[in-house]
Amino acid sequence: MQALRTRAVGVARRARPTTLRTSRSYASESHGHHEAPQVKEGLGTAFYVFAGALPASIVAYQVSRPGADGEPSSLSKWLQQFDYFNDWETRNALRTDLIEQAAHDKHLFLNAGRSTHVELKMPELLNSGSPFNVPAGHIPNLGHVTEHYRKQAAAEEERKAKKLALAKESATADAS
């Protein structure tokens, strides 16, 4: 019974208006009724493209059909005039050789041994990390690594100096 009563109250509420409803007026209607200007529109480019594609596709279909006695179509005859369509065996052989060579090179590069030696140009880059917010014991002492590369650089400079001195001695001996 309760459901019927609430339903009836809802219908009665919708039946009588609570406020005076006025129709809205728009600024464009206040000066009189104006119609939109009439514009003559054409059919558009898409229509003409579609209309031209239909007969073109019919003509292309007719040209590509073989003759009644199994003879090649006129399109096939025309394409056989070009050398590109006649030497397909040569092209396929060249492409196969190319692909096989590329596969060989790929296997060669992927399976070749890699050098794990990395020469340091600037040993000071080993300590280039941020010195802040690092827990104690997390930065190893790399002094021995730096010393190794310093000695290696000194030995290289000494070797170059000896080679330069020998070159100067041989140049002066040749000049005398």
Protein backbone atom coordinates (compact mmCIF):
# COMPACT_ATOMS: atom_id res chain seq x y z
CA MET A 1 0.00 0.00 0.00
CA GLN A 2 2.85 2.32 0.87
CA ALA A 3 4.36 1.85 -2.60
CA LEU A 4 1.06 2.81 -4.29
CA ARG A 5 0.71 5.92 -2.16
CA THR A 6 4.26 7.19 -2.93
CA ARG A 7 3.71 6.47 -6.59
CA ALA A 8 0.45 8.46 -6.62
CA VAL A 9 2.09 11.41 -4.84
CA GLY A 10 4.88 11.45 -7.43
CA VAL A 11 2.39 11.46 -10.33
CA ALA A 12 0.34 14.25 -8.72
CA ARG A 13 3.44 16.32 -8.15
CA ARG A 14 4.42 16.07 -11.82
CA ALA A 15 0.91 16.92 -12.99
CA ARG A 16 0.71 20.41 -11.45
CA PRO A 17 3.41 22.94 -12.21
CA THR A 18 5.07 24.46 -9.16
CA THR A 19 6.29 27.64 -10.84
CA LEU A 20 5.28 29.68 -13.82
CA ARG A 21 7.28 28.40 -16.76
CA THR A 22 8.23 30.90 -19.39
CA SER A 23 9.67 30.12 -22.74
CA ARG A 24 13.26 31.18 -23.31
CA SER A 25 14.02 33.90 -25.73
CA TYR A 26 17.28 34.14 -27.57
CA ALA A 27 19.01 37.27 -28.75
CA SER A 28 18.89 36.11 -32.35
CA GLU A 29 15.08 35.88 -32.20
CA SER A 30 14.50 39.27 -30.64
CA HIS A 31 14.95 41.18 -33.91
CA GLY A 32 12.72 39.00 -35.98
CA HIS A 33 13.10 35.57 -37.46
CA HIS A 34 16.10 35.15 -39.78
CA GLU A 35 16.84 32.11 -41.86
CA ALA A 36 20.32 30.81 -42.47
CA PRO A 37 21.78 31.99 -45.79
CA GLN A 38 21.32 29.55 -48.63
CA VAL A 39 24.58 28.10 -49.95
CA LYS A 40 24.82 26.09 -53.12
CA GLU A 41 27.07 23.15 -52.38
CA GLY A 42 28.57 20.90 -55.01
CA LEU A 43 28.88 17.16 -54.80
CA GLY A 44 32.49 17.31 -53.61
CA THR A 45 35.73 15.70 -54.66
CA ALA A 46 34.98 12.33 -53.04
CA PHE A 47 31.92 11.83 -55.22
CA TYR A 48 33.83 12.45 -58.43
CA VAL A 49 36.73 10.23 -57.33
CA PHE A 50 34.31 7.40 -56.55
CA ALA A 51 32.40 7.96 -59.78
CA GLY A 52 35.66 7.80 -61.76
CA ALA A 53 36.99 4.78 -59.85
CA LEU A 54 34.07 2.58 -60.86
CA PRO A 55 34.62 2.66 -64.64
CA ALA A 56 38.41 2.64 -64.17
CA SER A 57 38.22 -0.56 -62.12
CA ILE A 58 35.96 -2.18 -64.71
CA VAL A 59 38.41 -1.29 -67.50
CA ALA A 60 41.38 -2.57 -65.45
CA TYR A 61 39.55 -5.84 -64.80
CA GLN A 62 38.77 -6.33 -68.49
CA VAL A 63 42.36 -5.59 -69.52
CA SER A 64 43.81 -8.03 -67.00
CA ARG A 65 41.59 -10.98 -68.03
CA PRO A 66 43.26 -13.66 -70.21
CA GLY A 67 42.05 -14.25 -73.74
CA ALA A 68 39.41 -16.81 -74.73
CA ASP A 69 41.96 -19.39 -75.91
CA GLY A 70 44.16 -19.04 -72.79
CA GLU A 71 46.41 -16.47 -74.42
CA PRO A 72 47.97 -13.90 -72.03
CA SER A 73 46.09 -10.72 -71.35
CA SER A 74 47.01 -7.46 -73.01
CA LEU A 75 48.32 -6.19 -69.67
CA SER A 76 50.64 -9.21 -69.38
CA LYS A 77 51.88 -8.69 -72.94
CA TRP A 78 52.59 -5.05 -72.23
CA LEU A 79 54.46 -5.82 -68.98
CA GLN A 80 56.65 -8.44 -70.72
CA GLN A 81 58.11 -5.68 -72.89
CA PHE A 82 60.06 -4.45 -69.85
CA ASP A 83 63.29 -6.21 -68.84
CA TYR A 84 62.48 -5.86 -65.14
CA PHE A 85 59.72 -8.46 -65.34
CA ASN A 86 61.78 -10.93 -67.41
CA ASP A 87 64.96 -11.33 -65.34
CA TRP A 88 63.28 -12.37 -62.08
CA GLU A 89 65.48 -15.47 -61.72
CA THR A 90 68.61 -13.33 -61.65
CA ARG A 91 67.09 -10.91 -59.16
CA ASN A 92 65.96 -13.74 -56.89
CA ALA A 93 69.43 -15.32 -56.99
CA LEU A 94 71.07 -12.00 -56.10
CA ARG A 95 68.63 -11.40 -53.26
CA THR A 96 69.19 -14.91 -51.91
CA ASP A 97 72.97 -14.39 -51.96
CA LEU A 98 72.54 -11.05 -50.22
CA ILE A 99 70.38 -12.54 -47.46
CA GLU A 100 72.75 -15.47 -46.95
CA GLN A 101 75.73 -13.11 -46.68
CA ALA A 102 73.86 -10.94 -44.17
CA ALA A 103 73.03 -14.02 -42.07
CA HIS A 104 76.69 -15.13 -42.19
CA ASP A 105 77.86 -11.68 -41.07
CA LYS A 106 75.29 -11.59 -38.28
CA HIS A 107 76.48 -14.96 -36.94
CA LEU A 108 80.08 -13.80 -37.24
CA PHE A 109 79.46 -10.64 -35.22
CA LEU A 110 77.28 -12.29 -32.59
CA ASN A 111 79.62 -15.23 -31.96
CA ALA A 112 82.96 -13.42 -32.16
CA GLY A 113 84.91 -13.18 -28.92
CA ARG A 114 84.66 -9.85 -27.23
CA SER A 115 87.58 -8.09 -25.60
CA THR A 116 86.85 -7.49 -21.94
CA HIS A 117 89.84 -5.15 -21.48
CA VAL A 118 88.89 -1.51 -21.03
CA GLU A 119 91.67 1.04 -20.90
CA LEU A 120 90.98 3.99 -18.63
CA LYS A 121 91.84 7.32 -20.18
CA MET A 122 91.16 9.27 -16.98
CA PRO A 123 91.60 7.28 -13.74
CA GLU A 124 90.08 10.09 -11.68
CA LEU A 125 86.70 9.13 -13.13
CA LEU A 126 86.73 6.13 -10.80
CA ASN A 127 86.00 8.44 -7.87
CA SER A 128 83.57 10.70 -9.69
CA GLY A 129 80.49 9.64 -7.72
CA SER A 130 78.74 11.86 -5.21
CA PRO A 131 80.48 11.92 -1.82
CA PHE A 132 77.19 12.75 -0.04
CA ASN A 133 74.63 10.32 1.38
CA VAL A 134 76.90 7.28 0.98
CA PRO A 135 76.78 4.73 3.82
CA ALA A 136 80.08 3.99 5.54
CA GLY A 137 82.10 1.27 3.87
CA HIS A 138 80.34 1.53 0.50
CA ILE A 139 83.12 3.40 -1.30
CA PRO A 140 86.14 1.12 -1.74
CA ASN A 141 89.62 2.56 -1.63
CA LEU A 142 90.69 2.76 -5.27
CA GLY A 143 94.09 4.26 -4.60
CA HIS A 144 95.89 1.13 -5.78
CA VAL A 145 94.01 1.24 -9.11
CA THR A 146 94.89 4.90 -9.60
CA GLU A 147 98.52 4.17 -8.73
CA HIS A 148 98.63 1.32 -11.28
CA TYR A 149 97.46 3.56 -14.09
CA ARG A 150 99.79 6.37 -12.99
CA LYS A 151 102.76 3.98 -13.19
CA GLN A 152 101.55 2.68 -16.56
CA ALA A 153 101.30 6.24 -17.93
CA ALA A 154 104.78 7.09 -16.59
CA ALA A 155 106.27 3.99 -18.23
CA GLU A 156 104.56 4.89 -21.51
CA GLU A 157 105.95 8.43 -21.38
CA GLU A 158 109.44 7.08 -20.62
CA ARG A 159 109.21 4.69 -23.58
CA LYS A 160 108.17 7.56 -25.86
CA ALA A 161 111.05 9.72 -24.59
CA LYS A 162 113.62 6.94 -25.28
CA LYS A 163 112.17 6.41 -28.77
CA LEU A 164 112.36 10.16 -29.46
CA ALA A 165 115.97 10.29 -28.20
CA LEU A 166 116.94 7.38 -30.48
CA ALA A 167 115.25 9.12 -33.41
CA LYS A 168 117.22 12.33 -32.69
CA GLU A 169 120.51 10.42 -32.45
CA SER A 170 119.91 8.63 -35.76
CA ALA A 171 118.95 11.92 -37.39
CA THR A 172 122.14 13.63 -36.25
CA ALA A 173 124.24 10.62 -37.30
CA ASP A 174 122.69 10.69 -40.77
CA ALA A 175 123.30 14.43 -41.07
CA SER A 176 127.05 14.09 -40.27
